[in-house]
Structure formats: C-alpha cells, structure tokens
PDB file of N, CA and C in Angstrom:
ATOM      1  N   MET A   1     -99.434 -70.015  37.168  1.00  0.00           N
ATOM      2  CA  MET A   1     -98.257 -69.509  36.571  1.00  0.00           C
ATOM      3  C   MET A   1     -97.117 -69.580  37.575  1.00  0.00           C
ATOM      4  N   LYS A   2     -95.968 -69.924  37.073  1.00  0.00           N
ATOM      5  CA  LYS A   2     -94.753 -70.014  37.920  1.00  0.00           C
ATOM      6  C   LYS A   2     -94.155 -68.631  37.970  1.00  0.00           C
ATOM      7  N   LYS A   3     -93.505 -68.342  39.109  1.00  0.00           N
ATOM      8  CA  LYS A   3     -92.771 -67.104  39.212  1.00  0.00           C
ATOM      9  C   LYS A   3     -91.292 -67.390  39.142  1.00  0.00           C
ATOM     10  N   ARG A   4     -90.634 -66.971  38.055  1.00  0.00           N
ATOM     11  CA  ARG A   4     -89.216 -67.128  37.864  1.00  0.00           C
ATOM     12  C   ARG A   4     -88.625 -65.796  37.510  1.00  0.00           C
ATOM     13  N   LYS A   5     -87.338 -65.781  37.291  1.00  0.00           N
ATOM     14  CA  LYS A   5     -86.610 -64.525  37.083  1.00  0.00           C
ATOM     15  C   LYS A   5     -87.151 -63.689  35.910  1.00  0.00           C
ATOM     16  N   ASP A   6     -87.136 -64.207  34.714  1.00  0.00           N
ATOM     17  CA  ASP A   6     -87.620 -63.441  33.543  1.00  0.00           C
ATOM     18  C   ASP A   6     -88.780 -64.165  32.916  1.00  0.00           C
ATOM     19  N   LEU A   7     -89.876 -64.169  33.566  1.00  0.00           N
ATOM     20  CA  LEU A   7     -91.005 -64.906  33.044  1.00  0.00           C
ATOM     21  C   LEU A   7     -92.051 -63.994  32.464  1.00  0.00           C
ATOM     22  N   TYR A   8     -92.438 -64.235  31.211  1.00  0.00           N
ATOM     23  CA  TYR A   8     -93.415 -63.469  30.498  1.00  0.00           C
ATOM     24  C   TYR A   8     -94.410 -64.444  29.872  1.00  0.00           C
ATOM     25  N   TYR A   9     -95.574 -63.912  29.552  1.00  0.00           N
ATOM     26  CA  TYR A   9     -96.630 -64.731  28.925  1.00  0.00           C
ATOM     27  C   TYR A   9     -97.204 -63.953  27.777  1.00  0.00           C
ATOM     28  N   PRO A  10     -97.586 -64.618  26.680  1.00  0.00           N
ATOM     29  CA  PRO A  10     -98.309 -63.904  25.618  1.00  0.00           C
ATOM     30  C   PRO A  10     -99.719 -63.518  26.163  1.00  0.00           C
ATOM     31  N   ALA A  11    -100.204 -62.392  25.727  1.00  0.00           N
ATOM     32  CA  ALA A  11    -101.514 -61.927  26.220  1.00  0.00           C
ATOM     33  C   ALA A  11    -102.224 -61.207  25.055  1.00  0.00           C
ATOM     34  N   VAL A  12    -103.547 -61.143  25.151  1.00  0.00           N
ATOM     35  CA  VAL A  12    -104.322 -60.411  24.163  1.00  0.00           C
ATOM     36  C   VAL A  12    -105.392 -59.597  24.905  1.00  0.00           C
ATOM     37  N   LEU A  13    -105.742 -58.487  24.279  1.00  0.00           N
ATOM     38  CA  LEU A  13    -106.852 -57.661  24.757  1.00  0.00           C
ATOM     39  C   LEU A  13    -108.048 -58.020  23.946  1.00  0.00           C
ATOM     40  N   TYR A  14    -109.099 -58.531  24.595  1.00  0.00           N
ATOM     41  CA  TYR A  14    -110.303 -59.008  23.916  1.00  0.00           C
ATOM     42  C   TYR A  14    -111.520 -58.521  24.708  1.00  0.00           C
ATOM     43  N   ARG A  15    -112.374 -57.724  24.124  1.00  0.00           N
ATOM     44  CA  ARG A  15    -113.567 -57.186  24.757  1.00  0.00           C
ATOM     45  C   ARG A  15    -113.268 -56.548  26.107  1.00  0.00           C
ATOM     46  N   ASN A  16    -112.263 -55.668  26.138  1.00  0.00           N
ATOM     47  CA  ASN A  16    -111.838 -54.943  27.342  1.00  0.00           C
ATOM     48  C   ASN A  16    -111.360 -55.812  28.460  1.00  0.00           C
ATOM     49  N   GLU A  17    -110.891 -57.018  28.159  1.00  0.00           N
ATOM     50  CA  GLU A  17    -110.293 -57.874  29.156  1.00  0.00           C
ATOM     51  C   GLU A  17    -108.950 -58.344  28.565  1.00  0.00           C
ATOM     52  N   VAL A  18    -108.001 -58.567  29.495  1.00  0.00           N
ATOM     53  CA  VAL A  18    -106.717 -59.112  29.093  1.00  0.00           C
ATOM     54  C   VAL A  18    -106.723 -60.593  29.344  1.00  0.00           C
ATOM     55  N   TRP A  19    -106.497 -61.380  28.286  1.00  0.00           N
ATOM     56  CA  TRP A  19    -106.437 -62.821  28.416  1.00  0.00           C
ATOM     57  C   TRP A  19    -104.998 -63.245  28.304  1.00  0.00           C
ATOM     58  N   VAL A  20    -104.550 -64.072  29.261  1.00  0.00           N
ATOM     59  CA  VAL A  20    -103.125 -64.441  29.327  1.00  0.00           C
ATOM     60  C   VAL A  20    -103.042 -65.912  29.048  1.00  0.00           C
ATOM     61  N   ALA A  21    -102.159 -66.244  28.104  1.00  0.00           N
ATOM     62  CA  ALA A  21    -101.922 -67.684  27.765  1.00  0.00           C
ATOM     63  C   ALA A  21    -101.102 -68.324  28.876  1.00  0.00           C
ATOM     64  N   PRO A  22    -101.392 -69.567  29.261  1.00  0.00           N
ATOM     65  CA  PRO A  22    -100.691 -70.208  30.352  1.00  0.00           C
ATOM     66  C   PRO A  22     -99.378 -70.840  29.899  1.00  0.00           C
ATOM     67  N   VAL A  23     -98.712 -70.251  28.917  1.00  0.00           N
ATOM     68  CA  VAL A  23     -97.456 -70.741  28.398  1.00  0.00           C
ATOM     69  C   VAL A  23     -96.405 -69.703  28.522  1.00  0.00           C
ATOM     70  N   ASP A  24     -95.350 -69.936  29.332  1.00  0.00           N
ATOM     71  CA  ASP A  24     -94.334 -68.922  29.518  1.00  0.00           C
ATOM     72  C   ASP A  24     -93.463 -68.780  28.277  1.00  0.00           C
ATOM     73  N   ILE A  25     -92.967 -67.562  28.062  1.00  0.00           N
ATOM     74  CA  ILE A  25     -92.063 -67.251  26.954  1.00  0.00           C
ATOM     75  C   ILE A  25     -90.829 -66.546  27.530  1.00  0.00           C
ATOM     76  N   ASP A  26     -89.711 -66.603  26.785  1.00  0.00           N
ATOM     77  CA  ASP A  26     -88.507 -65.925  27.219  1.00  0.00           C
ATOM     78  C   ASP A  26     -88.558 -64.459  26.883  1.00  0.00           C
ATOM     79  N   ARG A  27     -87.582 -63.755  27.382  1.00  0.00           N
ATOM     80  CA  ARG A  27     -87.518 -62.278  27.200  1.00  0.00           C
ATOM     81  C   ARG A  27     -87.425 -61.912  25.721  1.00  0.00           C
ATOM     82  N   ASN A  28     -86.609 -62.638  24.939  1.00  0.00           N
ATOM     83  CA  ASN A  28     -86.481 -62.312  23.498  1.00  0.00           C
ATOM     84  C   ASN A  28     -87.801 -62.466  22.786  1.00  0.00           C
ATOM     85  N   THR A  29     -88.581 -63.477  23.101  1.00  0.00           N
ATOM     86  CA  THR A  29     -89.845 -63.675  22.451  1.00  0.00           C
ATOM     87  C   THR A  29     -90.843 -62.578  22.890  1.00  0.00           C
ATOM     88  N   ALA A  30     -90.788 -62.183  24.144  1.00  0.00           N
ATOM     89  CA  ALA A  30     -91.597 -61.086  24.648  1.00  0.00           C
ATOM     90  C   ALA A  30     -91.256 -59.797  23.901  1.00  0.00           C
ATOM     91  N   LEU A  31     -90.009 -59.556  23.694  1.00  0.00           N
ATOM     92  CA  LEU A  31     -89.577 -58.345  22.951  1.00  0.00           C
ATOM     93  C   LEU A  31     -90.112 -58.368  21.518  1.00  0.00           C
ATOM     94  N   GLU A  32     -90.096 -59.490  20.881  1.00  0.00           N
ATOM     95  CA  GLU A  32     -90.605 -59.604  19.518  1.00  0.00           C
ATOM     96  C   GLU A  32     -92.114 -59.344  19.471  1.00  0.00           C
ATOM     97  N   ILE A  33     -92.859 -59.789  20.472  1.00  0.00           N
ATOM     98  CA  ILE A  33     -94.281 -59.508  20.509  1.00  0.00           C
ATOM     99  C   ILE A  33     -94.512 -58.036  20.652  1.00  0.00           C
ATOM    100  N   ILE A  34     -93.788 -57.346  21.518  1.00  0.00           N
ATOM    101  CA  ILE A  34     -93.931 -55.920  21.677  1.00  0.00           C
ATOM    102  C   ILE A  34     -93.586 -55.193  20.373  1.00  0.00           C
ATOM    103  N   LYS A  35     -92.512 -55.656  19.730  1.00  0.00           N
ATOM    104  CA  LYS A  35     -92.116 -55.003  18.450  1.00  0.00           C
ATOM    105  C   LYS A  35     -93.152 -55.149  17.336  1.00  0.00           C
ATOM    106  N   PHE A  36     -94.020 -56.124  17.466  1.00  0.00           N
ATOM    107  CA  PHE A  36     -95.115 -56.289  16.515  1.00  0.00           C
ATOM    108  C   PHE A  36     -96.022 -55.060  16.551  1.00  0.00           C
ATOM    109  N   ASN A  37     -96.095 -54.392  17.713  1.00  0.00           N
ATOM    110  CA  ASN A  37     -96.776 -53.161  17.917  1.00  0.00           C
ATOM    111  C   ASN A  37     -98.299 -53.245  17.654  1.00  0.00           C
ATOM    112  N   SER A  38     -98.882 -54.292  18.124  1.00  0.00           N
ATOM    113  CA  SER A  38    -100.320 -54.488  17.959  1.00  0.00           C
ATOM    114  C   SER A  38    -101.090 -53.849  19.125  1.00  0.00           C
ATOM    115  N   ARG A  39    -102.269 -53.304  18.847  1.00  0.00           N
ATOM    116  CA  ARG A  39    -103.123 -52.792  19.898  1.00  0.00           C
ATOM    117  C   ARG A  39    -103.767 -53.874  20.742  1.00  0.00           C
ATOM    118  N   THR A  40    -103.860 -55.061  20.202  1.00  0.00           N
ATOM    119  CA  THR A  40    -104.542 -56.139  20.910  1.00  0.00           C
ATOM    120  C   THR A  40    -103.607 -57.240  21.424  1.00  0.00           C
ATOM    121  N   ALA A  41    -102.534 -57.539  20.741  1.00  0.00           N
ATOM    122  CA  ALA A  41    -101.601 -58.572  21.178  1.00  0.00           C
ATOM    123  C   ALA A  41    -100.475 -57.884  22.016  1.00  0.00           C
ATOM    124  N   GLY A  42    -100.128 -58.516  23.108  1.00  0.00           N
ATOM    125  CA  GLY A  42     -99.088 -57.954  23.946  1.00  0.00           C
ATOM    126  C   GLY A  42     -98.475 -59.012  24.831  1.00  0.00           C
ATOM    127  N   VAL A  43     -97.941 -58.593  25.963  1.00  0.00           N
ATOM    128  CA  VAL A  43     -97.213 -59.468  26.860  1.00  0.00           C
ATOM    129  C   VAL A  43     -97.732 -59.182  28.289  1.00  0.00           C
ATOM    130  N   PHE A  44     -97.763 -60.266  29.075  1.00  0.00           N
ATOM    131  CA  PHE A  44     -97.999 -60.139  30.518  1.00  0.00           C
ATOM    132  C   PHE A  44     -96.696 -60.451  31.213  1.00  0.00           C
ATOM    133  N   ALA A  45     -96.344 -59.571  32.128  1.00  0.00           N
ATOM    134  CA  ALA A  45     -95.102 -59.797  32.907  1.00  0.00           C
ATOM    135  C   ALA A  45     -95.486 -60.136  34.347  1.00  0.00           C
ATOM    136  N   ILE A  46     -94.595 -60.837  35.074  1.00  0.00           N
ATOM    137  CA  ILE A  46     -94.941 -61.241  36.417  1.00  0.00           C
ATOM    138  C   ILE A  46     -94.901 -60.112  37.429  1.00  0.00           C
ATOM    139  N   SER A  47     -94.342 -58.958  37.072  1.00  0.00           N
ATOM    140  CA  SER A  47     -94.265 -57.823  37.986  1.00  0.00           C
ATOM    141  C   SER A  47     -94.139 -56.510  37.290  1.00  0.00           C
ATOM    142  N   ASP A  48     -94.363 -55.429  37.982  1.00  0.00           N
ATOM    143  CA  ASP A  48     -94.188 -54.111  37.455  1.00  0.00           C
ATOM    144  C   ASP A  48     -92.764 -53.923  36.940  1.00  0.00           C
ATOM    145  N   SER A  49     -91.803 -54.331  37.731  1.00  0.00           N
ATOM    146  CA  SER A  49     -90.379 -54.110  37.321  1.00  0.00           C
ATOM    147  C   SER A  49     -90.018 -54.890  36.080  1.00  0.00           C
ATOM    148  N   ARG A  50     -90.606 -56.082  35.857  1.00  0.00           N
ATOM    149  CA  ARG A  50     -90.306 -56.825  34.626  1.00  0.00           C
ATOM    150  C   ARG A  50     -90.955 -56.188  33.445  1.00  0.00           C
ATOM    151  N   ALA A  51     -92.199 -55.700  33.618  1.00  0.00           N
ATOM    152  CA  ALA A  51     -92.864 -55.010  32.498  1.00  0.00           C
ATOM    153  C   ALA A  51     -92.141 -53.700  32.162  1.00  0.00           C
ATOM    154  N   ARG A  52     -91.747 -52.951  33.150  1.00  0.00           N
ATOM    155  CA  ARG A  52     -91.080 -51.680  32.890  1.00  0.00           C
ATOM    156  C   ARG A  52     -89.715 -51.952  32.248  1.00  0.00           C
ATOM    157  N   GLY A  53     -88.982 -52.964  32.745  1.00  0.00           N
ATOM    158  CA  GLY A  53     -87.677 -53.296  32.167  1.00  0.00           C
ATOM    159  C   GLY A  53     -87.745 -53.732  30.709  1.00  0.00           C
ATOM    160  N   LEU A  54     -88.766 -54.452  30.385  1.00  0.00           N
ATOM    161  CA  LEU A  54     -88.977 -54.889  29.007  1.00  0.00           C
ATOM    162  C   LEU A  54     -89.165 -53.685  28.104  1.00  0.00           C
ATOM    163  N   CYS A  55     -90.033 -52.781  28.491  1.00  0.00           N
ATOM    164  CA  CYS A  55     -90.314 -51.597  27.685  1.00  0.00           C
ATOM    165  C   CYS A  55     -89.180 -50.602  27.672  1.00  0.00           C
ATOM    166  N   ASP A  56     -88.433 -50.524  28.787  1.00  0.00           N
ATOM    167  CA  ASP A  56     -87.288 -49.667  28.852  1.00  0.00           C
ATOM    168  C   ASP A  56     -86.236 -50.024  27.776  1.00  0.00           C
ATOM    169  N   SER A  57     -86.131 -51.308  27.559  1.00  0.00           N
ATOM    170  CA  SER A  57     -85.149 -51.779  26.516  1.00  0.00           C
ATOM    171  C   SER A  57     -85.542 -51.480  25.116  1.00  0.00           C
ATOM    172  N   LEU A  58     -86.773 -50.969  24.939  1.00  0.00           N
ATOM    173  CA  LEU A  58     -87.248 -50.633  23.579  1.00  0.00           C
ATOM    174  C   LEU A  58     -87.525 -49.097  23.510  1.00  0.00           C
ATOM    175  N   GLY A  59     -86.647 -48.341  24.073  1.00  0.00           N
ATOM    176  CA  GLY A  59     -86.715 -46.851  23.923  1.00  0.00           C
ATOM    177  C   GLY A  59     -87.318 -46.116  25.133  1.00  0.00           C
ATOM    178  N   GLY A  60     -87.659 -46.863  26.180  1.00  0.00           N
ATOM    179  CA  GLY A  60     -88.215 -46.262  27.364  1.00  0.00           C
ATOM    180  C   GLY A  60     -89.611 -46.720  27.620  1.00  0.00           C
ATOM    181  N   ALA A  61     -89.989 -46.756  28.910  1.00  0.00           N
ATOM    182  CA  ALA A  61     -91.313 -47.229  29.305  1.00  0.00           C
ATOM    183  C   ALA A  61     -92.234 -46.085  29.614  1.00  0.00           C
ATOM    184  N   ILE A  62     -93.493 -46.208  29.154  1.00  0.00           N
ATOM    185  CA  ILE A  62     -94.523 -45.210  29.400  1.00  0.00           C
ATOM    186  C   ILE A  62     -95.611 -45.909  30.232  1.00  0.00           C
ATOM    187  N   TYR A  63     -95.841 -45.523  31.475  1.00  0.00           N
ATOM    188  CA  TYR A  63     -96.765 -46.168  32.352  1.00  0.00           C
ATOM    189  C   TYR A  63     -98.178 -45.691  32.081  1.00  0.00           C
ATOM    190  N   HIS A  64     -99.166 -46.629  32.145  1.00  0.00           N
ATOM    191  CA  HIS A  64    -100.561 -46.282  32.060  1.00  0.00           C
ATOM    192  C   HIS A  64    -101.343 -47.080  33.148  1.00  0.00           C
ATOM    193  N   ASN A  65    -102.291 -46.378  33.733  1.00  0.00           N
ATOM    194  CA  ASN A  65    -103.230 -47.048  34.644  1.00  0.00           C
ATOM    195  C   ASN A  65    -104.138 -47.993  33.800  1.00  0.00           C
ATOM    196  N   SER A  66    -104.885 -48.775  34.503  1.00  0.00           N
ATOM    197  CA  SER A  66    -105.859 -49.664  33.802  1.00  0.00           C
ATOM    198  C   SER A  66    -106.968 -48.787  33.220  1.00  0.00           C
ATOM    199  N   HIS A  67    -106.841 -48.337  31.993  1.00  0.00           N
ATOM    200  CA  HIS A  67    -107.779 -47.411  31.403  1.00  0.00           C
ATOM    201  C   HIS A  67    -108.873 -48.047  30.607  1.00  0.00           C
ATOM    202  N   GLY A  68    -108.954 -49.372  30.585  1.00  0.00           N
ATOM    203  CA  GLY A  68    -110.074 -50.010  29.932  1.00  0.00           C
ATOM    204  C   GLY A  68    -111.287 -50.063  30.806  1.00  0.00           C
ATOM    205  N   SER A  69    -112.422 -50.417  30.266  1.00  0.00           N
ATOM    206  CA  SER A  69    -113.634 -50.532  31.102  1.00  0.00           C
ATOM    207  C   SER A  69    -113.697 -51.964  31.602  1.00  0.00           C
ATOM    208  N   GLY A  70    -113.967 -52.142  32.876  1.00  0.00           N
ATOM    209  CA  GLY A  70    -114.047 -53.460  33.445  1.00  0.00           C
ATOM    210  C   GLY A  70    -112.847 -53.836  34.271  1.00  0.00           C
ATOM    211  N   SER A  71    -112.960 -54.872  35.084  1.00  0.00           N
ATOM    212  CA  SER A  71    -111.901 -55.195  35.998  1.00  0.00           C
ATOM    213  C   SER A  71    -110.815 -56.060  35.332  1.00  0.00           C
ATOM    214  N   GLY A  72    -110.986 -56.488  34.095  1.00  0.00           N
ATOM    215  CA  GLY A  72    -110.039 -57.349  33.476  1.00  0.00           C
ATOM    216  C   GLY A  72    -108.949 -56.647  32.684  1.00  0.00           C
ATOM    217  N   TYR A  73    -108.830 -55.350  32.865  1.00  0.00           N
ATOM    218  CA  TYR A  73    -107.811 -54.564  32.146  1.00  0.00           C
ATOM    219  C   TYR A  73    -106.848 -53.999  33.139  1.00  0.00           C
ATOM    220  N   TRP A  74    -105.613 -54.456  33.110  1.00  0.00           N
ATOM    221  CA  TRP A  74    -104.632 -54.157  34.140  1.00  0.00           C
ATOM    222  C   TRP A  74    -103.752 -52.967  33.819  1.00  0.00           C
ATOM    223  N   ASN A  75    -103.037 -52.491  34.859  1.00  0.00           N
ATOM    224  CA  ASN A  75    -102.012 -51.491  34.655  1.00  0.00           C
ATOM    225  C   ASN A  75    -100.960 -52.040  33.688  1.00  0.00           C
ATOM    226  N   HIS A  76    -100.340 -51.139  32.974  1.00  0.00           N
ATOM    227  CA  HIS A  76     -99.368 -51.626  31.927  1.00  0.00           C
ATOM    228  C   HIS A  76     -98.421 -50.552  31.496  1.00  0.00           C
ATOM    229  N   TYR A  77     -97.465 -50.952  30.741  1.00  0.00           N
ATOM    230  CA  TYR A  77     -96.523 -50.047  30.108  1.00  0.00           C
ATOM    231  C   TYR A  77     -96.614 -50.169  28.593  1.00  0.00           C
ATOM    232  N   HIS A  78     -96.238 -49.093  27.939  1.00  0.00           N
ATOM    233  CA  HIS A  78     -95.995 -49.089  26.496  1.00  0.00           C
ATOM    234  C   HIS A  78     -94.528 -48.776  26.322  1.00  0.00           C
ATOM    235  N   ALA A  79     -93.930 -49.311  25.272  1.00  0.00           N
ATOM    236  CA  ALA A  79     -92.567 -48.933  24.931  1.00  0.00           C
ATOM    237  C   ALA A  79     -92.609 -47.652  24.158  1.00  0.00           C
ATOM    238  N   ARG A  80     -91.723 -46.724  24.412  1.00  0.00           N
ATOM    239  CA  ARG A  80     -91.761 -45.422  23.724  1.00  0.00           C
ATOM    240  C   ARG A  80     -91.689 -45.556  22.199  1.00  0.00           C
ATOM    241  N   ASN A  81     -90.957 -46.564  21.699  1.00  0.00           N
ATOM    242  CA  ASN A  81     -90.854 -46.733  20.235  1.00  0.00           C
ATOM    243  C   ASN A  81     -91.936 -47.681  19.672  1.00  0.00           C
ATOM    244  N   TYR A  82     -92.777 -48.223  20.555  1.00  0.00           N
ATOM    245  CA  TYR A  82     -93.870 -49.169  20.128  1.00  0.00           C
ATOM    246  C   TYR A  82     -95.088 -48.840  20.991  1.00  0.00           C
ATOM    247  N   ARG A  83     -95.692 -47.711  20.704  1.00  0.00           N
ATOM    248  CA  ARG A  83     -96.739 -47.178  21.623  1.00  0.00           C
ATOM    249  C   ARG A  83     -98.054 -47.943  21.565  1.00  0.00           C
ATOM    250  N   ASN A  84     -98.292 -48.725  20.552  1.00  0.00           N
ATOM    251  CA  ASN A  84     -99.502 -49.533  20.487  1.00  0.00           C
ATOM    252  C   ASN A  84     -99.465 -50.758  21.381  1.00  0.00           C
ATOM    253  N   ALA A  85     -98.317 -51.303  21.513  1.00  0.00           N
ATOM    254  CA  ALA A  85     -98.127 -52.583  22.243  1.00  0.00           C
ATOM    255  C   ALA A  85     -98.289 -52.369  23.758  1.00  0.00           C
ATOM    256  N   HIS A  86     -98.757 -53.384  24.448  1.00  0.00           N
ATOM    257  CA  HIS A  86     -98.951 -53.327  25.893  1.00  0.00           C
ATOM    258  C   HIS A  86     -98.119 -54.419  26.548  1.00  0.00           C
ATOM    259  N   CYS A  87     -97.594 -54.056  27.745  1.00  0.00           N
ATOM    260  CA  CYS A  87     -96.970 -55.030  28.608  1.00  0.00           C
ATOM    261  C   CYS A  87     -97.694 -54.901  29.980  1.00  0.00           C
ATOM    262  N   TRP A  88     -98.653 -55.773  30.209  1.00  0.00           N
ATOM    263  CA  TRP A  88     -99.459 -55.717  31.419  1.00  0.00           C
ATOM    264  C   TRP A  88     -98.769 -56.426  32.593  1.00  0.00           C
ATOM    265  N   PHE A  89     -99.200 -56.085  33.778  1.00  0.00           N
ATOM    266  CA  PHE A  89     -98.656 -56.723  34.989  1.00  0.00           C
ATOM    267  C   PHE A  89     -99.736 -56.627  36.110  1.00  0.00           C
ATOM    268  N   ILE A  90     -99.553 -57.435  37.118  1.00  0.00           N
ATOM    269  CA  ILE A  90    -100.474 -57.396  38.254  1.00  0.00           C
ATOM    270  C   ILE A  90     -99.966 -56.582  39.410  1.00  0.00           C
ATOM    271  N   TYR A  91     -98.686 -56.787  39.790  1.00  0.00           N
ATOM    272  CA  TYR A  91     -98.187 -56.053  40.953  1.00  0.00           C
ATOM    273  C   TYR A  91     -96.799 -55.547  40.726  1.00  0.00           C
TER     274      TYR A  91
END
C-alpha cells in the first residue's frame, strides 16, 4: 500500500479478521462506505488521524480498541451518526 495524503482502502470484517482490498479509494468514496453503516463493510485508513478525521466529519468519532478475537482485528473508530460502520487503522 502506498502512503499518500488522503489514502483509504475498502475493508471487510470476515471471521474476526479485517481484510483490506489493495485498491485505494478517495475520501468521498470512503465516506459513502461509512454511510452505508454496515457491521462488516468498512474502510481502512493509513493512520489514526485519517480514520478519526473521516469519522469526525460524520458527526464525531468514537474510538474503540481492537475488541474482536484474534490478531486480525485492529483499533478503529465509529462515526457517531453511523455506529455500525468501522474505520480501521494500524498506527
């Protein structure tokens, strides 16, 4: 994955692991995925600040530790207005 200014990736939660597609998406597409408000489909951001910023723009960010079982479930944010959706990040 490349590290650029506003880089996001589509991601899904499958069997307590987060799978990230190797195709980057822009911020607007990432926002639309979050607005879908799915428990399993979400977004992977390149950093904590990008994940938090994305969710902040949708009513505020709610931080969660990696609460899934197994090492494949990362820290993430939920948007206050879209609490089912996840925006995961690594650092």
